[in-house]
Amino acid sequence: MATPWYNVYDAKVSSPLGKPVVTVSPGPCCTGSTPSGADFGSDSLQTNPAPGNNGSSGSVTATSGIQEAVNYLAGLTTPGGVIFLLPGVFTLSTSVNTYNGTRTVAYSGIIFRGSGKDVSIVKQPSTSTSSAFNVGVNTQPQGSNPITSHIEFEHMTIDVSAVTVGGSTTIAFTNVKHCVVRNCKLLGNNLNFTIYFAGPTWNGGSSTMASPYFDLYNSILDCELVDLYSNDGLSFCYQQYGVIRNIWENGSRLALYGWVFVGLGGVWTS
């Protein structure tokens, strides 16, 4: 059997085994502003534009640029690829979602790759209770295995510390497998977990299902969490074969809920 492309990791601006790479700018992408060579930017207003051919103009936050990059990769004949975030601050007005508009179709095989701490994704204070990133659908049949797989976040800062309404987290995962958060700084708020691996949910309701219907093979590696919430910073629920390694938990606690079978290593709290 051929090696799946998602098992091959390359930290440079390239994609495993030839999967496509699209770039996203925190500013306008194709109007002559820097960087003019980006495929998507905060002026992205077209529906699934071809990379490098997005000439629309407007003043919107970066949410649309990142989301359109997601939609573009998800709509390919062979879906998936790398979204490379160019240095700068991306300001989100709403969530970036790895599913369709009705949350009935899950997207898989997408890597969100920053260029280090020079990439910051900041969610604006608003009435929105949604997270900066939502991964996974909650409409799959009860008693089925996770259907969203191989979504990765790496080399970036995600900041929801200014959100003052609702339960926004940096990344919320549900019904997922083989998802990874790697080498990221995550800044939470005082209303919810800093990052949330929710485990399986079925048609919008929480599940306490036993194995084999855990979320599977998910990991958070080499990350710093800055928690303002008085309860849990990293919430890792209903997971099997997960890995938590080299985590600095600053301000709150690591929480393992439900049925959890996970490998732990190098977790520090302060």
Protein backbone atom coordinates (compact mmCIF):
# COMPACT_ATOMS: atom_id res chain seq x y z
CA MET A 1 0.00 0.00 0.00
CA ALA A 2 1.33 3.44 -0.89
CA THR A 3 2.29 5.76 1.97
CA PRO A 4 -0.50 8.31 2.56
CA TRP A 5 0.60 11.85 1.80
CA TYR A 6 -0.50 13.05 5.23
CA ASN A 7 2.04 10.87 7.03
CA VAL A 8 4.92 12.71 5.38
CA TYR A 9 5.88 15.92 7.18
CA ASP A 10 7.90 18.74 5.67
CA ALA A 11 8.38 21.88 7.78
CA LYS A 12 9.27 24.04 4.79
CA VAL A 13 6.86 25.81 2.47
CA SER A 14 6.10 22.70 0.52
CA SER A 15 3.41 20.09 0.51
CA PRO A 16 3.73 16.36 1.22
CA LEU A 17 3.99 14.31 -1.93
CA GLY A 18 2.99 17.11 -4.24
CA LYS A 19 -0.25 18.24 -2.61
CA PRO A 20 -1.03 21.88 -3.48
CA VAL A 21 0.13 24.84 -1.43
CA VAL A 22 -1.83 28.08 -1.32
CA THR A 23 -0.62 31.24 0.41
CA VAL A 24 -2.72 33.68 2.42
CA SER A 25 -1.77 37.27 3.16
CA PRO A 26 -3.04 39.20 6.20
CA GLY A 27 -3.68 42.09 3.80
CA PRO A 28 -4.91 42.47 0.22
CA CYS A 29 -3.54 39.71 -1.95
CA CYS A 30 -3.51 40.92 -5.52
CA THR A 31 -3.78 44.70 -5.60
CA GLY A 32 -0.12 45.62 -5.51
CA SER A 33 -0.04 45.76 -1.72
CA THR A 34 2.38 43.48 0.05
CA PRO A 35 2.57 40.65 -0.63
CA SER A 36 1.05 40.94 -4.08
CA GLY A 37 1.89 37.33 -4.93
CA ALA A 38 -0.43 35.75 -2.35
CA ASP A 39 -3.20 33.51 -3.61
CA PHE A 40 -5.73 34.70 -1.03
CA GLY A 41 -5.89 37.71 1.26
CA SER A 42 -8.23 39.81 3.34
CA ASP A 43 -9.77 41.19 0.14
CA SER A 44 -10.88 37.71 -0.96
CA LEU A 45 -14.54 38.02 -1.91
CA GLN A 46 -14.85 35.56 -4.78
CA THR A 47 -16.27 32.06 -4.44
CA ASN A 48 -13.52 29.45 -4.84
CA PRO A 49 -11.20 31.66 -6.92
CA ALA A 50 -8.24 30.04 -8.60
CA PRO A 51 -5.00 30.69 -6.72
CA GLY A 52 -3.14 33.71 -8.08
CA ASN A 53 -6.27 34.95 -9.85
CA ASN A 54 -8.10 36.68 -7.04
CA GLY A 55 -8.44 40.30 -7.97
CA SER A 56 -11.50 41.32 -5.99
CA SER A 57 -11.29 44.32 -3.72
CA GLY A 58 -12.93 45.33 -0.49
CA SER A 59 -12.28 45.89 3.16
CA VAL A 60 -13.03 42.78 5.20
CA THR A 61 -11.17 40.89 7.86
CA ALA A 62 -8.86 38.00 7.16
CA THR A 63 -11.55 35.41 7.89
CA SER A 64 -12.69 35.34 4.29
CA GLY A 65 -9.18 34.90 2.92
CA ILE A 66 -8.37 31.88 5.11
CA GLN A 67 -11.85 30.41 4.66
CA GLU A 68 -11.70 30.70 0.89
CA ALA A 69 -8.34 28.95 0.91
CA VAL A 70 -9.98 26.14 2.92
CA ASN A 71 -12.90 25.98 0.50
CA TYR A 72 -10.59 25.94 -2.50
CA LEU A 73 -8.54 22.99 -1.22
CA ALA A 74 -11.67 21.13 -0.13
CA GLY A 75 -13.19 21.55 -3.58
CA LEU A 76 -10.32 20.00 -5.52
CA THR A 77 -10.79 16.69 -7.29
CA THR A 78 -8.35 15.23 -4.78
CA PRO A 79 -9.07 17.43 -1.75
CA GLY A 80 -6.47 18.71 0.67
CA GLY A 81 -3.18 20.56 0.80
CA VAL A 82 -1.28 23.23 2.71
CA ILE A 83 -2.48 26.73 3.60
CA PHE A 84 0.66 28.77 4.20
CA LEU A 85 0.04 31.91 6.27
CA LEU A 86 2.45 34.71 5.45
CA PRO A 87 3.92 36.78 8.32
CA GLY A 88 1.60 39.31 9.89
CA VAL A 89 -1.56 39.58 11.99
CA PHE A 90 -4.72 37.95 10.71
CA THR A 91 -7.81 39.44 12.37
CA LEU A 92 -10.83 37.13 12.44
CA SER A 93 -14.35 38.51 12.75
CA THR A 94 -15.89 35.03 12.74
CA SER A 95 -14.65 31.45 12.72
CA VAL A 96 -12.67 29.59 10.09
CA ASN A 97 -14.43 26.25 9.59
CA THR A 98 -13.29 22.97 8.05
CA TYR A 99 -16.76 22.08 6.84
CA ASN A 100 -19.43 23.45 4.54
CA GLY A 101 -21.87 26.22 5.41
CA THR A 102 -24.47 23.90 6.92
CA ARG A 103 -21.90 21.83 8.85
CA THR A 104 -22.98 18.64 7.11
CA VAL A 105 -19.90 17.98 4.95
CA ALA A 106 -16.53 17.59 6.68
CA TYR A 107 -13.23 18.62 5.09
CA SER A 108 -10.05 16.63 5.69
CA GLY A 109 -6.37 16.71 4.78
CA ILE A 110 -5.70 20.42 5.31
CA ILE A 111 -2.55 21.77 6.99
CA PHE A 112 -2.62 25.31 8.37
CA ARG A 113 1.05 26.27 8.38
CA GLY A 114 2.32 29.52 9.80
CA SER A 115 5.80 30.94 9.43
CA GLY A 116 6.54 31.01 13.15
CA LYS A 117 5.67 33.50 15.85
CA ASP A 118 5.53 36.23 13.21
CA VAL A 119 2.12 34.83 12.26
CA SER A 120 -0.64 35.77 14.70
CA ILE A 121 -4.30 34.92 14.29
CA VAL A 122 -6.40 37.16 16.52
CA LYS A 123 -10.15 36.82 16.99
CA GLN A 124 -11.96 40.11 17.48
CA PRO A 125 -14.17 40.78 20.50
CA SER A 126 -17.71 40.26 19.28
CA THR A 127 -21.04 38.68 20.06
CA SER A 128 -19.88 35.53 18.28
CA THR A 129 -19.42 32.57 20.61
CA SER A 130 -17.61 30.49 18.03
CA SER A 131 -13.94 29.60 18.17
CA ALA A 132 -11.17 30.95 15.97
CA PHE A 133 -11.12 27.54 14.21
CA ASN A 134 -13.81 24.86 14.23
CA VAL A 135 -12.81 21.38 13.08
CA GLY A 136 -15.27 18.52 12.60
CA VAL A 137 -19.02 18.13 12.09
CA ASN A 138 -21.58 17.12 14.69
CA THR A 139 -24.13 15.61 12.33
CA GLN A 140 -22.66 12.15 11.79
CA PRO A 141 -24.68 9.07 12.76
CA GLN A 142 -24.42 7.86 16.33
CA GLY A 143 -22.12 4.91 16.75
CA SER A 144 -19.83 5.76 13.83
CA ASN A 145 -16.14 6.54 13.74
CA PRO A 146 -14.88 10.13 13.26
CA ILE A 147 -15.17 11.38 9.70
CA THR A 148 -12.90 14.46 9.79
CA SER A 149 -9.22 13.55 9.57
CA HIS A 150 -5.74 14.96 9.14
CA ILE A 151 -6.30 18.62 9.96
CA GLU A 152 -3.09 20.18 11.27
CA PHE A 153 -2.06 23.52 12.78
CA GLU A 154 1.59 24.43 13.12
CA HIS A 155 4.06 27.29 13.65
CA MET A 156 1.69 30.12 14.62
CA THR A 157 0.07 32.07 17.45
CA ILE A 158 -3.72 31.92 17.87
CA ASP A 159 -5.15 34.53 20.21
CA VAL A 160 -8.74 34.68 21.52
CA SER A 161 -7.86 36.53 24.73
CA ALA A 162 -9.88 39.63 23.82
CA VAL A 163 -13.14 37.75 23.24
CA THR A 164 -15.59 38.83 25.93
CA VAL A 165 -18.80 37.02 24.96
CA GLY A 166 -19.58 33.32 24.88
CA GLY A 167 -17.34 30.28 24.72
CA SER A 168 -14.73 31.00 22.09
CA THR A 169 -11.59 28.82 22.09
CA THR A 170 -8.55 28.89 19.82
CA ILE A 171 -9.43 25.57 18.15
CA ALA A 172 -12.42 23.32 18.81
CA PHE A 173 -12.25 19.73 17.54
CA THR A 174 -15.14 17.27 17.48
CA ASN A 175 -15.53 13.91 15.73
CA VAL A 176 -11.95 13.94 14.47
CA LYS A 177 -9.02 11.61 13.99
CA HIS A 178 -5.33 12.10 13.10
CA CYS A 179 -5.45 15.83 13.89
CA VAL A 180 -2.35 17.63 15.18
CA VAL A 181 -1.53 20.96 16.81
CA ARG A 182 2.23 21.47 16.69
CA ASN A 183 4.60 24.24 17.78
CA CYS A 184 1.88 26.83 18.43
CA LYS A 185 1.28 29.48 21.07
CA LEU A 186 -2.38 29.52 22.13
CA LEU A 187 -3.81 32.45 24.10
CA GLY A 188 -7.17 31.81 25.73
CA ASN A 189 -9.80 34.00 27.40
CA ASN A 190 -11.55 33.90 30.76
CA LEU A 191 -14.72 32.31 29.40
CA ASN A 192 -13.69 28.93 28.02
CA PHE A 193 -10.92 26.40 27.48
CA THR A 194 -7.89 27.61 25.59
CA ILE A 195 -8.14 24.59 23.24
CA TYR A 196 -10.89 21.97 23.18
CA PHE A 197 -10.75 18.40 21.95
CA ALA A 198 -14.44 17.68 22.57
CA GLY A 199 -14.54 14.05 21.53
CA PRO A 200 -17.50 12.52 19.70
CA THR A 201 -20.83 14.29 19.44
CA TRP A 202 -23.82 12.97 17.58
CA ASN A 203 -26.27 15.21 15.75
CA GLY A 204 -25.53 18.09 18.06
CA GLY A 205 -25.67 16.16 21.33
CA SER A 206 -22.79 15.18 23.57
CA SER A 207 -21.83 11.54 23.70
CA THR A 208 -20.43 9.35 26.44
CA MET A 209 -20.00 6.44 24.07
CA ALA A 210 -17.39 3.84 24.94
CA SER A 211 -14.77 2.44 22.58
CA PRO A 212 -14.53 2.02 19.63
CA TYR A 213 -16.24 5.37 19.08
CA PHE A 214 -13.67 7.65 20.64
CA ASP A 215 -11.92 10.35 18.70
CA LEU A 216 -8.70 8.76 17.52
CA TYR A 217 -4.96 9.49 17.15
CA ASN A 218 -5.10 13.22 17.90
CA SER A 219 -2.08 15.10 19.25
CA ILE A 220 -0.94 18.39 20.70
CA LEU A 221 2.85 18.75 20.59
CA ASP A 222 5.43 21.37 21.59
CA CYS A 223 2.90 24.10 22.39
CA GLU A 224 2.57 26.94 24.89
CA LEU A 225 -0.85 27.67 26.37
CA VAL A 226 -1.63 30.94 28.14
CA ASP A 227 -4.88 30.40 30.05
CA LEU A 228 -7.17 33.03 31.57
CA TYR A 229 -10.02 30.61 32.28
CA SER A 230 -10.16 29.52 35.92
CA ASN A 231 -10.98 25.89 35.11
CA ASP A 232 -9.36 24.02 32.22
CA GLY A 233 -6.79 25.24 29.71
CA LEU A 234 -6.35 22.15 27.55
CA SER A 235 -9.48 19.99 27.59
CA PHE A 236 -8.88 16.56 26.04
CA CYS A 237 -12.07 14.46 26.09
CA TYR A 238 -13.04 10.97 24.88
CA GLN A 239 -9.77 10.33 23.07
CA GLN A 240 -8.04 7.08 22.19
CA TYR A 241 -4.39 6.75 21.11
CA GLY A 242 -3.82 10.47 21.58
CA VAL A 243 -0.52 12.17 22.44
CA ILE A 244 0.14 15.22 24.62
CA ARG A 245 3.85 16.09 24.60
CA ASN A 246 6.03 19.06 25.61
CA ILE A 247 3.21 21.40 26.65
CA TRP A 248 3.68 24.51 28.78
CA GLU A 249 0.34 25.13 30.51
CA ASN A 250 0.48 28.65 31.89
CA GLY A 251 -2.32 29.71 34.22
CA SER A 252 -4.71 26.80 34.34
CA ARG A 253 -4.72 23.00 34.10
CA LEU A 254 -4.72 20.04 31.77
CA ALA A 255 -8.06 18.20 31.90
CA LEU A 256 -8.70 14.65 30.70
CA TYR A 257 -12.40 13.81 30.67
CA GLY A 258 -14.43 10.70 29.95
CA TRP A 259 -12.74 7.67 28.49
CA VAL A 260 -9.22 8.80 27.68
CA PHE A 261 -6.31 6.64 26.57
CA VAL A 262 -3.47 9.02 25.88
CA GLY A 263 0.32 9.21 25.96
CA LEU A 264 1.64 12.03 28.12
CA GLY A 265 5.14 13.48 28.17
CA GLY A 266 6.67 16.77 29.28
CA VAL A 267 3.63 18.68 30.54
CA TRP A 268 4.39 21.73 32.73
CA THR A 269 1.91 24.01 34.47
CA SER A 270 2.38 27.29 36.26
